[in-house]
Amino acid sequence: MDNEERAMLEDLIWLNAVIATELIQITENTSQILRKQAPPATCLAEHRSLRETALAIAEKYRQNTALGPHLQGHQ
């Protein structure tokens, strides 16, 4: 694998992690709207863990981006 292919794969991995974290947030927001209350605590804890995993994957290939601070702002 040459450097260009490696860079492309790193970009795709990072972008997929961003998409995953945003989908998790959309799921939480939709659940809250439909339930007219916060999602169950177990779901929030599991989603937090999934976001942390996605962030760790993203930061493995691209450190110090806006993704970490952005995810900390999610409620």
N, C-alpha and C. Protein backbone atom coordinates (compact mmCIF):
# COMPACT_ATOMS: atom_id res chain seq x y z
N MET A 1 0.85 -1.17 0.00
CA MET A 1 0.00 0.00 0.00
C MET A 1 0.90 1.23 0.00
N ASP A 2 0.62 2.16 -0.91
CA ASP A 2 1.44 3.37 -0.95
C ASP A 2 0.89 4.43 0.01
N ASN A 3 1.63 5.52 0.16
CA ASN A 3 1.26 6.57 1.11
C ASN A 3 -0.09 7.21 0.77
N GLU A 4 -0.37 7.37 -0.50
CA GLU A 4 -1.64 7.99 -0.89
C GLU A 4 -2.82 7.10 -0.50
N GLU A 5 -2.69 5.80 -0.72
CA GLU A 5 -3.76 4.88 -0.33
C GLU A 5 -3.94 4.85 1.18
N ARG A 6 -2.83 4.84 1.90
CA ARG A 6 -2.90 4.85 3.36
C ARG A 6 -3.57 6.12 3.85
N ALA A 7 -3.22 7.27 3.29
CA ALA A 7 -3.82 8.53 3.70
C ALA A 7 -5.32 8.53 3.40
N MET A 8 -5.71 7.97 2.26
CA MET A 8 -7.11 7.91 1.90
C MET A 8 -7.88 7.04 2.90
N LEU A 9 -7.32 5.89 3.26
CA LEU A 9 -7.98 5.01 4.23
C LEU A 9 -8.08 5.68 5.60
N GLU A 10 -7.05 6.38 6.01
CA GLU A 10 -7.10 7.10 7.28
C GLU A 10 -8.20 8.16 7.26
N ASP A 11 -8.32 8.88 6.14
CA ASP A 11 -9.37 9.88 6.00
C ASP A 11 -10.74 9.23 6.08
N LEU A 12 -10.92 8.10 5.42
CA LEU A 12 -12.21 7.41 5.42
C LEU A 12 -12.56 6.87 6.81
N ILE A 13 -11.59 6.35 7.51
CA ILE A 13 -11.82 5.85 8.86
C ILE A 13 -12.25 7.01 9.76
N TRP A 14 -11.54 8.13 9.66
CA TRP A 14 -11.88 9.29 10.47
C TRP A 14 -13.29 9.79 10.14
N LEU A 15 -13.58 9.92 8.86
CA LEU A 15 -14.89 10.41 8.44
C LEU A 15 -16.01 9.47 8.90
N ASN A 16 -15.80 8.18 8.81
CA ASN A 16 -16.80 7.22 9.28
C ASN A 16 -17.03 7.33 10.78
N ALA A 17 -15.99 7.62 11.53
CA ALA A 17 -16.15 7.82 12.97
C ALA A 17 -16.98 9.07 13.24
N VAL A 18 -16.76 10.13 12.48
CA VAL A 18 -17.56 11.35 12.62
C VAL A 18 -19.02 11.03 12.32
N ILE A 19 -19.27 10.36 11.23
CA ILE A 19 -20.64 9.99 10.84
C ILE A 19 -21.29 9.14 11.93
N ALA A 20 -20.56 8.19 12.46
CA ALA A 20 -21.11 7.31 13.51
C ALA A 20 -21.52 8.11 14.73
N THR A 21 -20.67 9.03 15.16
CA THR A 21 -21.00 9.80 16.37
C THR A 21 -22.21 10.70 16.13
N GLU A 22 -22.31 11.26 14.95
CA GLU A 22 -23.46 12.11 14.64
C GLU A 22 -24.75 11.29 14.54
N LEU A 23 -24.67 10.09 13.99
CA LEU A 23 -25.85 9.22 13.94
C LEU A 23 -26.32 8.83 15.34
N ILE A 24 -25.39 8.59 16.22
CA ILE A 24 -25.76 8.29 17.61
C ILE A 24 -26.52 9.47 18.20
N GLN A 25 -26.03 10.68 17.96
CA GLN A 25 -26.69 11.87 18.50
C GLN A 25 -28.08 12.06 17.88
N ILE A 26 -28.19 11.83 16.59
CA ILE A 26 -29.50 11.93 15.93
C ILE A 26 -30.48 10.92 16.54
N THR A 27 -30.01 9.72 16.81
CA THR A 27 -30.85 8.70 17.43
C THR A 27 -31.34 9.16 18.80
N GLU A 28 -30.43 9.71 19.60
CA GLU A 28 -30.82 10.20 20.92
C GLU A 28 -31.83 11.34 20.80
N ASN A 29 -31.57 12.28 19.91
CA ASN A 29 -32.48 13.41 19.75
C ASN A 29 -33.86 12.96 19.28
N THR A 30 -33.89 12.04 18.33
CA THR A 30 -35.16 11.53 17.82
C THR A 30 -35.92 10.80 18.92
N SER A 31 -35.22 10.00 19.69
CA SER A 31 -35.84 9.28 20.80
C SER A 31 -36.45 10.27 21.79
N GLN A 32 -35.71 11.31 22.10
CA GLN A 32 -36.20 12.30 23.06
C GLN A 32 -37.45 13.01 22.52
N ILE A 33 -37.45 13.33 21.25
CA ILE A 33 -38.61 13.99 20.65
C ILE A 33 -39.83 13.07 20.67
N LEU A 34 -39.64 11.82 20.28
CA LEU A 34 -40.76 10.89 20.21
C LEU A 34 -41.30 10.52 21.60
N ARG A 35 -40.40 10.37 22.55
CA ARG A 35 -40.81 9.98 23.91
C ARG A 35 -41.30 11.18 24.73
N LYS A 36 -40.89 12.36 24.29
CA LYS A 36 -41.15 13.60 25.05
C LYS A 36 -40.49 13.54 26.42
N GLN A 37 -39.37 12.85 26.45
CA GLN A 37 -38.53 12.76 27.64
C GLN A 37 -37.18 12.22 27.21
N ALA A 38 -36.22 12.30 28.10
CA ALA A 38 -34.88 11.83 27.77
C ALA A 38 -34.89 10.32 27.50
N PRO A 39 -33.97 9.86 26.64
CA PRO A 39 -33.85 8.41 26.43
C PRO A 39 -33.50 7.72 27.75
N PRO A 40 -33.75 6.43 27.84
CA PRO A 40 -33.40 5.70 29.06
C PRO A 40 -31.92 5.84 29.40
N ALA A 41 -31.63 5.86 30.68
CA ALA A 41 -30.25 6.03 31.14
C ALA A 41 -29.32 4.97 30.57
N THR A 42 -29.83 3.74 30.43
CA THR A 42 -28.98 2.67 29.88
C THR A 42 -28.58 2.99 28.44
N CYS A 43 -29.52 3.53 27.66
CA CYS A 43 -29.20 3.90 26.28
C CYS A 43 -28.17 5.02 26.25
N LEU A 44 -28.36 6.02 27.10
CA LEU A 44 -27.40 7.14 27.13
C LEU A 44 -26.00 6.64 27.49
N ALA A 45 -25.91 5.72 28.44
CA ALA A 45 -24.60 5.19 28.83
C ALA A 45 -23.98 4.38 27.69
N GLU A 46 -24.79 3.57 27.03
CA GLU A 46 -24.27 2.79 25.91
C GLU A 46 -23.85 3.69 24.76
N HIS A 47 -24.64 4.71 24.48
CA HIS A 47 -24.27 5.65 23.41
C HIS A 47 -22.99 6.39 23.75
N ARG A 48 -22.82 6.77 25.01
CA ARG A 48 -21.59 7.44 25.43
C ARG A 48 -20.38 6.54 25.17
N SER A 49 -20.53 5.27 25.51
CA SER A 49 -19.45 4.31 25.28
C SER A 49 -19.15 4.16 23.79
N LEU A 50 -20.20 4.09 22.98
CA LEU A 50 -20.00 3.97 21.53
C LEU A 50 -19.32 5.21 20.96
N ARG A 51 -19.73 6.40 21.45
CA ARG A 51 -19.07 7.63 20.99
C ARG A 51 -17.59 7.64 21.37
N GLU A 52 -17.30 7.21 22.59
CA GLU A 52 -15.90 7.16 23.04
C GLU A 52 -15.08 6.20 22.18
N THR A 53 -15.65 5.08 21.82
CA THR A 53 -14.96 4.12 20.95
C THR A 53 -14.72 4.72 19.57
N ALA A 54 -15.74 5.34 19.01
CA ALA A 54 -15.59 5.97 17.69
C ALA A 54 -14.55 7.08 17.74
N LEU A 55 -14.55 7.86 18.82
CA LEU A 55 -13.56 8.93 18.97
C LEU A 55 -12.14 8.35 19.06
N ALA A 56 -11.99 7.27 19.80
CA ALA A 56 -10.67 6.64 19.92
C ALA A 56 -10.17 6.16 18.56
N ILE A 57 -11.07 5.59 17.78
CA ILE A 57 -10.70 5.14 16.43
C ILE A 57 -10.30 6.34 15.58
N ALA A 58 -11.11 7.38 15.62
CA ALA A 58 -10.82 8.59 14.83
C ALA A 58 -9.49 9.20 15.22
N GLU A 59 -9.24 9.30 16.53
CA GLU A 59 -8.01 9.93 17.00
C GLU A 59 -6.78 9.07 16.75
N LYS A 60 -6.98 7.80 16.52
CA LYS A 60 -5.85 6.93 16.18
C LYS A 60 -5.21 7.38 14.86
N TYR A 61 -6.04 7.91 13.98
CA TYR A 61 -5.56 8.31 12.65
C TYR A 61 -5.45 9.81 12.46
N ARG A 62 -6.13 10.58 13.31
CA ARG A 62 -6.08 12.04 13.17
C ARG A 62 -6.34 12.66 14.54
N GLN A 63 -5.26 13.13 15.17
CA GLN A 63 -5.36 13.70 16.51
C GLN A 63 -5.68 15.20 16.45
N ASN A 64 -6.19 15.68 17.59
CA ASN A 64 -6.40 17.12 17.80
C ASN A 64 -7.30 17.76 16.76
N THR A 65 -8.43 17.13 16.49
CA THR A 65 -9.42 17.73 15.60
C THR A 65 -10.55 18.29 16.47
N ALA A 66 -11.53 18.86 15.85
CA ALA A 66 -12.68 19.40 16.57
C ALA A 66 -13.64 18.30 17.05
N LEU A 67 -13.41 17.07 16.65
CA LEU A 67 -14.35 16.00 16.99
C LEU A 67 -14.46 15.78 18.50
N GLY A 68 -13.35 15.68 19.19
CA GLY A 68 -13.39 15.46 20.64
C GLY A 68 -14.16 16.56 21.38
N PRO A 69 -13.76 17.81 21.19
CA PRO A 69 -14.52 18.89 21.85
C PRO A 69 -15.99 18.94 21.43
N HIS A 70 -16.26 18.63 20.17
CA HIS A 70 -17.65 18.62 19.70
C HIS A 70 -18.46 17.55 20.44
N LEU A 71 -17.88 16.37 20.58
CA LEU A 71 -18.60 15.28 21.26
C LEU A 71 -18.81 15.60 22.74
N GLN A 72 -17.89 16.32 23.35
CA GLN A 72 -18.07 16.69 24.75
C GLN A 72 -19.24 17.64 24.91
N GLY A 73 -19.58 18.38 23.84
CA GLY A 73 -20.71 19.29 23.88
C GLY A 73 -22.05 18.61 23.70
N HIS A 74 -22.04 17.36 23.21
CA HIS A 74 -23.30 16.63 23.06
C HIS A 74 -23.85 16.30 24.44
N GLN A 75 -25.15 16.35 24.55
CA GLN A 75 -25.78 16.03 25.84
C GLN A 75 -26.61 14.78 25.68
